[in-house]
Amino acid sequence: MGEIIELLVIMLIIATVAFAPLAYFIHKYTQKNGQPFGETEPHGDSPSLVNDLAETAIHFVKSKLGKK
């Protein structure tokens, strides 16, 4: 009977570690009116160096392909 209790305790510890991130996210999500990370800007409203470089590269490739 002791082996079953030991196995149960080990399984509970593993389950706690496995589901802790989910519980943390649910806690943060319900903390500030459904906003898990506070006030954030909508996607696409803020300038981004990576997006600018990607657009420049796309326009460069399109201009090279269009000259053929």
N, C-alpha and C. Protein backbone atom coordinates (compact mmCIF):
# COMPACT_ATOMS: atom_id res chain seq x y z
N MET A 1 0.82 -1.19 0.00
CA MET A 1 0.00 0.00 0.00
C MET A 1 0.87 1.26 0.00
N GLY A 2 2.03 1.16 0.61
CA GLY A 2 2.92 2.31 0.66
C GLY A 2 3.44 2.70 -0.71
N GLU A 3 3.61 1.70 -1.60
CA GLU A 3 4.09 2.00 -2.95
C GLU A 3 3.05 2.79 -3.73
N ILE A 4 1.79 2.49 -3.53
CA ILE A 4 0.72 3.20 -4.23
C ILE A 4 0.66 4.66 -3.77
N ILE A 5 0.80 4.89 -2.50
CA ILE A 5 0.78 6.27 -1.98
C ILE A 5 2.01 7.03 -2.48
N GLU A 6 3.17 6.37 -2.50
CA GLU A 6 4.38 7.00 -3.01
C GLU A 6 4.22 7.36 -4.49
N LEU A 7 3.66 6.46 -5.27
CA LEU A 7 3.41 6.72 -6.69
C LEU A 7 2.42 7.87 -6.86
N LEU A 8 1.38 7.91 -6.03
CA LEU A 8 0.40 8.99 -6.09
C LEU A 8 1.04 10.34 -5.81
N VAL A 9 1.90 10.40 -4.80
CA VAL A 9 2.58 11.65 -4.45
C VAL A 9 3.48 12.10 -5.60
N ILE A 10 4.23 11.17 -6.18
CA ILE A 10 5.12 11.51 -7.30
C ILE A 10 4.31 12.01 -8.49
N MET A 11 3.18 11.37 -8.78
CA MET A 11 2.34 11.80 -9.89
C MET A 11 1.74 13.19 -9.64
N LEU A 12 1.37 13.48 -8.40
CA LEU A 12 0.85 14.81 -8.08
C LEU A 12 1.91 15.88 -8.24
N ILE A 13 3.14 15.58 -7.86
CA ILE A 13 4.23 16.54 -8.02
C ILE A 13 4.49 16.80 -9.51
N ILE A 14 4.51 15.75 -10.31
CA ILE A 14 4.72 15.91 -11.76
C ILE A 14 3.58 16.70 -12.38
N ALA A 15 2.35 16.42 -11.99
CA ALA A 15 1.19 17.15 -12.53
C ALA A 15 1.23 18.62 -12.13
N THR A 16 1.64 18.90 -10.91
CA THR A 16 1.74 20.28 -10.45
C THR A 16 2.76 21.05 -11.28
N VAL A 17 3.90 20.45 -11.52
CA VAL A 17 4.94 21.10 -12.32
C VAL A 17 4.47 21.27 -13.77
N ALA A 18 3.76 20.30 -14.30
CA ALA A 18 3.31 20.35 -15.69
C ALA A 18 2.25 21.42 -15.92
N PHE A 19 1.34 21.60 -14.97
CA PHE A 19 0.24 22.52 -15.16
C PHE A 19 0.44 23.89 -14.50
N ALA A 20 1.57 24.12 -13.87
CA ALA A 20 1.83 25.41 -13.24
C ALA A 20 1.85 26.56 -14.24
N PRO A 21 2.48 26.44 -15.43
CA PRO A 21 2.43 27.55 -16.39
C PRO A 21 1.01 27.90 -16.84
N LEU A 22 0.18 26.89 -17.02
CA LEU A 22 -1.20 27.13 -17.41
C LEU A 22 -1.95 27.88 -16.31
N ALA A 23 -1.76 27.49 -15.09
CA ALA A 23 -2.42 28.16 -13.97
C ALA A 23 -1.93 29.61 -13.84
N TYR A 24 -0.64 29.82 -14.08
CA TYR A 24 -0.09 31.18 -14.01
C TYR A 24 -0.71 32.06 -15.10
N PHE A 25 -0.83 31.52 -16.32
CA PHE A 25 -1.43 32.29 -17.40
C PHE A 25 -2.88 32.61 -17.12
N ILE A 26 -3.63 31.66 -16.62
CA ILE A 26 -5.04 31.90 -16.28
C ILE A 26 -5.14 32.96 -15.19
N HIS A 27 -4.26 32.91 -14.22
CA HIS A 27 -4.25 33.91 -13.15
C HIS A 27 -3.96 35.30 -13.72
N LYS A 28 -2.96 35.41 -14.59
CA LYS A 28 -2.63 36.71 -15.18
C LYS A 28 -3.74 37.20 -16.10
N TYR A 29 -4.38 36.28 -16.83
CA TYR A 29 -5.43 36.66 -17.76
C TYR A 29 -6.64 37.23 -17.05
N THR A 30 -6.97 36.68 -15.91
CA THR A 30 -8.15 37.15 -15.18
C THR A 30 -7.82 38.31 -14.25
N GLN A 31 -6.56 38.67 -14.14
CA GLN A 31 -6.16 39.69 -13.19
C GLN A 31 -6.54 41.10 -13.63
N LYS A 32 -6.31 41.46 -14.90
CA LYS A 32 -6.53 42.84 -15.35
C LYS A 32 -7.57 42.89 -16.46
N ASN A 33 -8.79 42.61 -16.16
CA ASN A 33 -9.90 42.72 -17.11
C ASN A 33 -9.66 41.96 -18.41
N GLY A 34 -9.12 40.79 -18.32
CA GLY A 34 -8.92 39.97 -19.51
C GLY A 34 -7.72 40.36 -20.34
N GLN A 35 -6.79 41.13 -19.77
CA GLN A 35 -5.58 41.52 -20.49
C GLN A 35 -4.39 40.92 -19.76
N PRO A 36 -3.84 39.80 -20.26
CA PRO A 36 -2.81 39.10 -19.50
C PRO A 36 -1.52 39.87 -19.36
N PHE A 37 -1.22 40.77 -20.28
CA PHE A 37 0.05 41.47 -20.23
C PHE A 37 -0.14 42.98 -20.13
N GLY A 38 -1.25 43.42 -19.59
CA GLY A 38 -1.49 44.84 -19.42
C GLY A 38 -1.93 45.48 -20.72
N GLU A 39 -1.76 46.78 -20.83
CA GLU A 39 -2.13 47.52 -22.03
C GLU A 39 -1.08 47.30 -23.10
N THR A 40 -1.50 46.79 -24.24
CA THR A 40 -0.60 46.60 -25.37
C THR A 40 -1.20 47.26 -26.59
N GLU A 41 -0.33 47.65 -27.53
CA GLU A 41 -0.81 48.27 -28.76
C GLU A 41 -1.31 47.20 -29.71
N PRO A 42 -2.29 47.53 -30.52
CA PRO A 42 -2.73 46.57 -31.54
C PRO A 42 -1.59 46.29 -32.52
N HIS A 43 -1.61 45.12 -33.09
CA HIS A 43 -0.55 44.72 -34.01
C HIS A 43 -0.53 45.63 -35.24
N GLY A 44 0.65 46.10 -35.61
CA GLY A 44 0.80 46.89 -36.81
C GLY A 44 0.79 48.38 -36.58
N ASP A 45 0.47 48.85 -35.39
CA ASP A 45 0.42 50.28 -35.14
C ASP A 45 1.79 50.88 -34.82
N SER A 46 2.70 50.09 -34.32
CA SER A 46 3.99 50.62 -33.94
C SER A 46 5.02 50.32 -35.02
N PRO A 47 5.94 51.25 -35.29
CA PRO A 47 6.96 51.01 -36.31
C PRO A 47 7.94 49.94 -35.85
N SER A 48 8.45 49.20 -36.80
CA SER A 48 9.36 48.12 -36.47
C SER A 48 10.50 48.09 -37.48
N LEU A 49 11.72 48.03 -37.00
CA LEU A 49 12.89 47.98 -37.87
C LEU A 49 12.87 46.71 -38.71
N VAL A 50 12.46 45.60 -38.11
CA VAL A 50 12.43 44.33 -38.84
C VAL A 50 11.41 44.39 -39.98
N ASN A 51 10.23 44.96 -39.72
CA ASN A 51 9.23 45.09 -40.78
C ASN A 51 9.71 46.00 -41.89
N ASP A 52 10.37 47.10 -41.53
CA ASP A 52 10.90 48.01 -42.54
C ASP A 52 11.95 47.33 -43.40
N LEU A 53 12.85 46.57 -42.79
CA LEU A 53 13.87 45.86 -43.56
C LEU A 53 13.24 44.80 -44.46
N ALA A 54 12.24 44.10 -43.96
CA ALA A 54 11.57 43.09 -44.78
C ALA A 54 10.87 43.72 -45.97
N GLU A 55 10.19 44.85 -45.76
CA GLU A 55 9.52 45.53 -46.87
C GLU A 55 10.53 46.02 -47.89
N THR A 56 11.66 46.55 -47.43
CA THR A 56 12.71 47.00 -48.34
C THR A 56 13.25 45.83 -49.16
N ALA A 57 13.48 44.70 -48.53
CA ALA A 57 13.99 43.53 -49.24
C ALA A 57 12.97 43.02 -50.27
N ILE A 58 11.70 43.03 -49.92
CA ILE A 58 10.66 42.58 -50.84
C ILE A 58 10.58 43.50 -52.05
N HIS A 59 10.63 44.81 -51.82
CA HIS A 59 10.57 45.75 -52.93
C HIS A 59 11.81 45.62 -53.82
N PHE A 60 12.97 45.35 -53.21
CA PHE A 60 14.20 45.18 -53.98
C PHE A 60 14.09 43.94 -54.88
N VAL A 61 13.62 42.85 -54.34
CA VAL A 61 13.48 41.61 -55.12
C VAL A 61 12.44 41.80 -56.23
N LYS A 62 11.33 42.47 -55.92
CA LYS A 62 10.32 42.69 -56.93
C LYS A 62 10.85 43.58 -58.05
N SER A 63 11.65 44.59 -57.73
CA SER A 63 12.20 45.47 -58.77
C SER A 63 13.21 44.71 -59.63
N LYS A 64 14.00 43.82 -59.05
CA LYS A 64 14.97 43.03 -59.81
C LYS A 64 14.25 42.04 -60.72
N LEU A 65 13.17 41.43 -60.24
CA LEU A 65 12.43 40.48 -61.05
C LEU A 65 11.63 41.17 -62.14
N GLY A 66 11.20 42.40 -61.90
CA GLY A 66 10.40 43.14 -62.86
C GLY A 66 11.23 43.69 -64.01
N LYS A 67 12.54 43.82 -63.86
CA LYS A 67 13.39 44.37 -64.91
C LYS A 67 13.70 43.36 -66.01
N LYS A 68 13.42 42.08 -65.78
CA LYS A 68 13.74 41.07 -66.80
C LYS A 68 12.92 41.22 -68.01
